[in-house]
Amino acid sequence: MGFGSYDESEQQQQTADDDDDVEAVNVHENDHNGQLSFESNASTDELVSQLGSMKDDDEDDA
């Protein structure tokens, strides 16, 4: 057998065995309902300028 080749029957058996041990995952287990709010003294223009500076810094680091 060459590199990367496999016995298909062995692969199917392994997959069937793996299915027995799988537990379901509840993706809604930690859902939260609520609100988030914050106050800032900075204007929208100042915040956009800050964001632009942060993006420029990230591009310089790359």
PDB file of N, CA and C in Angstrom:
ATOM      1  N   MET A   1       0.833  -1.186   0.000  1.00  0.00           N
ATOM      2  CA  MET A   1       0.000   0.000   0.000  1.00  0.00           C
ATOM      3  C   MET A   1       0.875   1.245   0.000  1.00  0.00           C
ATOM      4  N   GLY A   2       0.458   2.222  -0.756  1.00  0.00           N
ATOM      5  CA  GLY A   2       1.208   3.457  -0.828  1.00  0.00           C
ATOM      6  C   GLY A   2       0.808   4.423   0.272  1.00  0.00           C
ATOM      7  N   PHE A   3       1.493   5.527   0.318  1.00  0.00           N
ATOM      8  CA  PHE A   3       1.213   6.552   1.308  1.00  0.00           C
ATOM      9  C   PHE A   3      -0.217   7.074   1.141  1.00  0.00           C
ATOM     10  N   GLY A   4      -0.963   7.142   2.233  1.00  0.00           N
ATOM     11  CA  GLY A   4      -2.306   7.702   2.184  1.00  0.00           C
ATOM     12  C   GLY A   4      -3.387   6.704   1.815  1.00  0.00           C
ATOM     13  N   SER A   5      -3.029   5.479   1.463  1.00  0.00           N
ATOM     14  CA  SER A   5      -4.058   4.508   1.119  1.00  0.00           C
ATOM     15  C   SER A   5      -4.547   3.812   2.384  1.00  0.00           C
ATOM     16  N   TYR A   6      -5.763   3.297   2.350  1.00  0.00           N
ATOM     17  CA  TYR A   6      -6.335   2.653   3.525  1.00  0.00           C
ATOM     18  C   TYR A   6      -7.338   1.597   3.090  1.00  0.00           C
ATOM     19  N   ASP A   7      -7.653   0.732   3.993  1.00  0.00           N
ATOM     20  CA  ASP A   7      -8.661  -0.288   3.759  1.00  0.00           C
ATOM     21  C   ASP A   7     -10.024   0.326   4.074  1.00  0.00           C
ATOM     22  N   GLU A   8     -10.891   0.443   3.080  1.00  0.00           N
ATOM     23  CA  GLU A   8     -12.177   1.115   3.277  1.00  0.00           C
ATOM     24  C   GLU A   8     -13.024   0.463   4.356  1.00  0.00           C
ATOM     25  N   SER A   9     -13.015  -0.855   4.453  1.00  0.00           N
ATOM     26  CA  SER A   9     -13.822  -1.529   5.460  1.00  0.00           C
ATOM     27  C   SER A   9     -13.335  -1.176   6.860  1.00  0.00           C
ATOM     28  N   GLU A  10     -12.032  -1.031   7.027  1.00  0.00           N
ATOM     29  CA  GLU A  10     -11.481  -0.649   8.328  1.00  0.00           C
ATOM     30  C   GLU A  10     -11.891   0.780   8.679  1.00  0.00           C
ATOM     31  N   GLN A  11     -11.886   1.662   7.699  1.00  0.00           N
ATOM     32  CA  GLN A  11     -12.288   3.058   7.904  1.00  0.00           C
ATOM     33  C   GLN A  11     -13.759   3.129   8.313  1.00  0.00           C
ATOM     34  N   GLN A  12     -14.628   2.367   7.673  1.00  0.00           N
ATOM     35  CA  GLN A  12     -16.055   2.359   8.010  1.00  0.00           C
ATOM     36  C   GLN A  12     -16.282   1.829   9.412  1.00  0.00           C
ATOM     37  N   GLN A  13     -15.553   0.801   9.807  1.00  0.00           N
ATOM     38  CA  GLN A  13     -15.695   0.227  11.142  1.00  0.00           C
ATOM     39  C   GLN A  13     -15.274   1.238  12.200  1.00  0.00           C
ATOM     40  N   GLN A  14     -14.185   1.950  11.953  1.00  0.00           N
ATOM     41  CA  GLN A  14     -13.697   2.941  12.903  1.00  0.00           C
ATOM     42  C   GLN A  14     -14.716   4.061  13.071  1.00  0.00           C
ATOM     43  N   THR A  15     -15.327   4.499  12.000  1.00  0.00           N
ATOM     44  CA  THR A  15     -16.335   5.550  12.065  1.00  0.00           C
ATOM     45  C   THR A  15     -17.542   5.081  12.858  1.00  0.00           C
ATOM     46  N   ALA A  16     -17.974   3.858  12.664  1.00  0.00           N
ATOM     47  CA  ALA A  16     -19.121   3.315  13.392  1.00  0.00           C
ATOM     48  C   ALA A  16     -18.820   3.226  14.878  1.00  0.00           C
ATOM     49  N   ASP A  17     -17.598   2.850  15.249  1.00  0.00           N
ATOM     50  CA  ASP A  17     -17.216   2.763  16.658  1.00  0.00           C
ATOM     51  C   ASP A  17     -17.196   4.143  17.314  1.00  0.00           C
ATOM     52  N   ASP A  18     -16.737   5.151  16.575  1.00  0.00           N
ATOM     53  CA  ASP A  18     -16.643   6.498  17.112  1.00  0.00           C
ATOM     54  C   ASP A  18     -18.013   7.086  17.417  1.00  0.00           C
ATOM     55  N   ASP A  19     -19.035   6.731  16.658  1.00  0.00           N
ATOM     56  CA  ASP A  19     -20.373   7.270  16.833  1.00  0.00           C
ATOM     57  C   ASP A  19     -20.982   6.867  18.169  1.00  0.00           C
ATOM     58  N   ASP A  20     -20.559   5.749  18.743  1.00  0.00           N
ATOM     59  CA  ASP A  20     -21.135   5.267  19.996  1.00  0.00           C
ATOM     60  C   ASP A  20     -20.765   6.160  21.178  1.00  0.00           C
ATOM     61  N   ASP A  21     -19.609   6.809  21.138  1.00  0.00           N
ATOM     62  CA  ASP A  21     -19.103   7.582  22.264  1.00  0.00           C
ATOM     63  C   ASP A  21     -19.453   9.069  22.191  1.00  0.00           C
ATOM     64  N   VAL A  22     -20.151   9.497  21.150  1.00  0.00           N
ATOM     65  CA  VAL A  22     -20.420  10.910  20.935  1.00  0.00           C
ATOM     66  C   VAL A  22     -21.620  11.353  21.769  1.00  0.00           C
ATOM     67  N   GLU A  23     -21.445  12.442  22.505  1.00  0.00           N
ATOM     68  CA  GLU A  23     -22.545  13.030  23.258  1.00  0.00           C
ATOM     69  C   GLU A  23     -23.042  14.260  22.517  1.00  0.00           C
ATOM     70  N   ALA A  24     -24.332  14.524  22.600  1.00  0.00           N
ATOM     71  CA  ALA A  24     -24.893  15.700  21.956  1.00  0.00           C
ATOM     72  C   ALA A  24     -24.430  16.953  22.682  1.00  0.00           C
ATOM     73  N   VAL A  25     -24.237  18.001  21.938  1.00  0.00           N
ATOM     74  CA  VAL A  25     -23.828  19.277  22.501  1.00  0.00           C
ATOM     75  C   VAL A  25     -25.019  20.224  22.446  1.00  0.00           C
ATOM     76  N   ASN A  26     -25.344  20.810  23.581  1.00  0.00           N
ATOM     77  CA  ASN A  26     -26.435  21.763  23.635  1.00  0.00           C
ATOM     78  C   ASN A  26     -25.847  23.158  23.437  1.00  0.00           C
ATOM     79  N   VAL A  27     -26.043  23.709  22.238  1.00  0.00           N
ATOM     80  CA  VAL A  27     -25.454  25.009  21.931  1.00  0.00           C
ATOM     81  C   VAL A  27     -26.193  26.145  22.619  1.00  0.00           C
ATOM     82  N   HIS A  28     -27.365  25.869  23.167  1.00  0.00           N
ATOM     83  CA  HIS A  28     -28.147  26.903  23.838  1.00  0.00           C
ATOM     84  C   HIS A  28     -28.029  26.818  25.360  1.00  0.00           C
ATOM     85  N   GLU A  29     -27.115  26.004  25.844  1.00  0.00           N
ATOM     86  CA  GLU A  29     -26.967  25.786  27.279  1.00  0.00           C
ATOM     87  C   GLU A  29     -26.645  27.082  28.030  1.00  0.00           C
ATOM     88  N   ASN A  30     -25.863  27.962  27.411  1.00  0.00           N
ATOM     89  CA  ASN A  30     -25.442  29.183  28.091  1.00  0.00           C
ATOM     90  C   ASN A  30     -25.993  30.441  27.440  1.00  0.00           C
ATOM     91  N   ASP A  31     -27.159  30.344  26.799  1.00  0.00           N
ATOM     92  CA  ASP A  31     -27.794  31.522  26.219  1.00  0.00           C
ATOM     93  C   ASP A  31     -28.224  32.472  27.331  1.00  0.00           C
ATOM     94  N   HIS A  32     -28.080  33.750  27.073  1.00  0.00           N
ATOM     95  CA  HIS A  32     -28.479  34.757  28.049  1.00  0.00           C
ATOM     96  C   HIS A  32     -29.319  35.817  27.351  1.00  0.00           C
ATOM     97  N   ASN A  33     -30.359  36.226  28.009  1.00  0.00           N
ATOM     98  CA  ASN A  33     -31.178  37.320  27.503  1.00  0.00           C
ATOM     99  C   ASN A  33     -30.896  38.534  28.367  1.00  0.00           C
ATOM    100  N   GLY A  34     -30.658  39.658  27.744  1.00  0.00           N
ATOM    101  CA  GLY A  34     -30.377  40.849  28.518  1.00  0.00           C
ATOM    102  C   GLY A  34     -29.962  41.987  27.612  1.00  0.00           C
ATOM    103  N   GLN A  35     -29.524  43.049  28.239  1.00  0.00           N
ATOM    104  CA  GLN A  35     -29.112  44.225  27.502  1.00  0.00           C
ATOM    105  C   GLN A  35     -27.705  44.628  27.915  1.00  0.00           C
ATOM    106  N   LEU A  36     -27.046  45.303  27.018  1.00  0.00           N
ATOM    107  CA  LEU A  36     -25.721  45.848  27.286  1.00  0.00           C
ATOM    108  C   LEU A  36     -25.776  47.318  26.930  1.00  0.00           C
ATOM    109  N   SER A  37     -25.326  48.150  27.824  1.00  0.00           N
ATOM    110  CA  SER A  37     -25.268  49.578  27.525  1.00  0.00           C
ATOM    111  C   SER A  37     -24.014  50.160  28.159  1.00  0.00           C
ATOM    112  N   PHE A  38     -23.546  51.258  27.600  1.00  0.00           N
ATOM    113  CA  PHE A  38     -22.393  51.948  28.152  1.00  0.00           C
ATOM    114  C   PHE A  38     -22.494  53.411  27.786  1.00  0.00           C
ATOM    115  N   GLU A  39     -21.826  54.229  28.553  1.00  0.00           N
ATOM    116  CA  GLU A  39     -21.797  55.657  28.291  1.00  0.00           C
ATOM    117  C   GLU A  39     -20.360  56.062  27.997  1.00  0.00           C
ATOM    118  N   SER A  40     -20.214  56.963  27.064  1.00  0.00           N
ATOM    119  CA  SER A  40     -18.892  57.433  26.699  1.00  0.00           C
ATOM    120  C   SER A  40     -18.962  58.929  26.447  1.00  0.00           C
ATOM    121  N   ASN A  41     -17.940  59.637  26.857  1.00  0.00           N
ATOM    122  CA  ASN A  41     -17.868  61.071  26.610  1.00  0.00           C
ATOM    123  C   ASN A  41     -17.256  61.380  25.250  1.00  0.00           C
ATOM    124  N   ALA A  42     -16.755  60.343  24.556  1.00  0.00           N
ATOM    125  CA  ALA A  42     -16.125  60.541  23.255  1.00  0.00           C
ATOM    126  C   ALA A  42     -17.198  60.661  22.177  1.00  0.00           C
ATOM    127  N   SER A  43     -16.930  61.512  21.199  1.00  0.00           N
ATOM    128  CA  SER A  43     -17.868  61.664  20.086  1.00  0.00           C
ATOM    129  C   SER A  43     -17.670  60.518  19.094  1.00  0.00           C
ATOM    130  N   THR A  44     -18.617  60.380  18.214  1.00  0.00           N
ATOM    131  CA  THR A  44     -18.524  59.342  17.189  1.00  0.00           C
ATOM    132  C   THR A  44     -17.271  59.539  16.338  1.00  0.00           C
ATOM    133  N   ASP A  45     -16.983  60.774  15.982  1.00  0.00           N
ATOM    134  CA  ASP A  45     -15.788  61.062  15.174  1.00  0.00           C
ATOM    135  C   ASP A  45     -14.511  60.640  15.894  1.00  0.00           C
ATOM    136  N   GLU A  46     -14.446  60.897  17.203  1.00  0.00           N
ATOM    137  CA  GLU A  46     -13.262  60.502  17.976  1.00  0.00           C
ATOM    138  C   GLU A  46     -13.120  58.982  18.019  1.00  0.00           C
ATOM    139  N   LEU A  47     -14.237  58.285  18.192  1.00  0.00           N
ATOM    140  CA  LEU A  47     -14.192  56.821  18.239  1.00  0.00           C
ATOM    141  C   LEU A  47     -13.778  56.235  16.897  1.00  0.00           C
ATOM    142  N   VAL A  48     -14.300  56.802  15.800  1.00  0.00           N
ATOM    143  CA  VAL A  48     -13.930  56.325  14.464  1.00  0.00           C
ATOM    144  C   VAL A  48     -12.447  56.586  14.210  1.00  0.00           C
ATOM    145  N   SER A  49     -11.945  57.723  14.663  1.00  0.00           N
ATOM    146  CA  SER A  49     -10.529  58.034  14.512  1.00  0.00           C
ATOM    147  C   SER A  49      -9.667  57.045  15.283  1.00  0.00           C
ATOM    148  N   GLN A  50     -10.100  56.724  16.503  1.00  0.00           N
ATOM    149  CA  GLN A  50      -9.372  55.738  17.312  1.00  0.00           C
ATOM    150  C   GLN A  50      -9.349  54.385  16.618  1.00  0.00           C
ATOM    151  N   LEU A  51     -10.477  53.986  16.065  1.00  0.00           N
ATOM    152  CA  LEU A  51     -10.554  52.704  15.351  1.00  0.00           C
ATOM    153  C   LEU A  51      -9.594  52.698  14.172  1.00  0.00           C
ATOM    154  N   GLY A  52      -9.560  53.794  13.426  1.00  0.00           N
ATOM    155  CA  GLY A  52      -8.640  53.894  12.296  1.00  0.00           C
ATOM    156  C   GLY A  52      -7.192  53.750  12.738  1.00  0.00           C
ATOM    157  N   SER A  53      -6.846  54.372  13.868  1.00  0.00           N
ATOM    158  CA  SER A  53      -5.477  54.260  14.394  1.00  0.00           C
ATOM    159  C   SER A  53      -5.152  52.828  14.780  1.00  0.00           C
ATOM    160  N   MET A  54      -6.117  52.153  15.390  1.00  0.00           N
ATOM    161  CA  MET A  54      -5.894  50.756  15.799  1.00  0.00           C
ATOM    162  C   MET A  54      -5.709  49.867  14.577  1.00  0.00           C
ATOM    163  N   LYS A  55      -6.494  50.112  13.527  1.00  0.00           N
ATOM    164  CA  LYS A  55      -6.342  49.314  12.303  1.00  0.00           C
ATOM    165  C   LYS A  55      -4.992  49.565  11.657  1.00  0.00           C
ATOM    166  N   ASP A  56      -4.553  50.820  11.650  1.00  0.00           N
ATOM    167  CA  ASP A  56      -3.245  51.148  11.085  1.00  0.00           C
ATOM    168  C   ASP A  56      -2.134  50.454  11.850  1.00  0.00           C
ATOM    169  N   ASP A  57      -2.246  50.399  13.180  1.00  0.00           N
ATOM    170  CA  ASP A  57      -1.256  49.714  14.004  1.00  0.00           C
ATOM    171  C   ASP A  57      -1.208  48.229  13.675  1.00  0.00           C
ATOM    172  N   ASP A  58      -2.372  47.612  13.457  1.00  0.00           N
ATOM    173  CA  ASP A  58      -2.421  46.182  13.118  1.00  0.00           C
ATOM    174  C   ASP A  58      -1.757  45.923  11.770  1.00  0.00           C
ATOM    175  N   GLU A  59      -1.969  46.816  10.810  1.00  0.00           N
ATOM    176  CA  GLU A  59      -1.366  46.641   9.492  1.00  0.00           C
ATOM    177  C   GLU A  59       0.148  46.795   9.566  1.00  0.00           C
ATOM    178  N   ASP A  60       0.622  47.687  10.428  1.00  0.00           N
ATOM    179  CA  ASP A  60       2.072  47.880  10.582  1.00  0.00           C
ATOM    180  C   ASP A  60       2.728  46.662  11.204  1.00  0.00           C
ATOM    181  N   ASP A  61       2.010  45.984  12.107  1.00  0.00           N
ATOM    182  CA  ASP A  61       2.545  44.796  12.783  1.00  0.00           C
ATOM    183  C   ASP A  61       2.612  43.590  11.857  1.00  0.00           C
ATOM    184  N   ALA A  62       1.777  43.565  10.828  1.00  0.00           N
ATOM    185  CA  ALA A  62       1.702  42.380   9.953  1.00  0.00           C
ATOM    186  C   ALA A  62       2.805  42.320   8.963  1.00  0.00           C
TER     187      ALA A  62
END
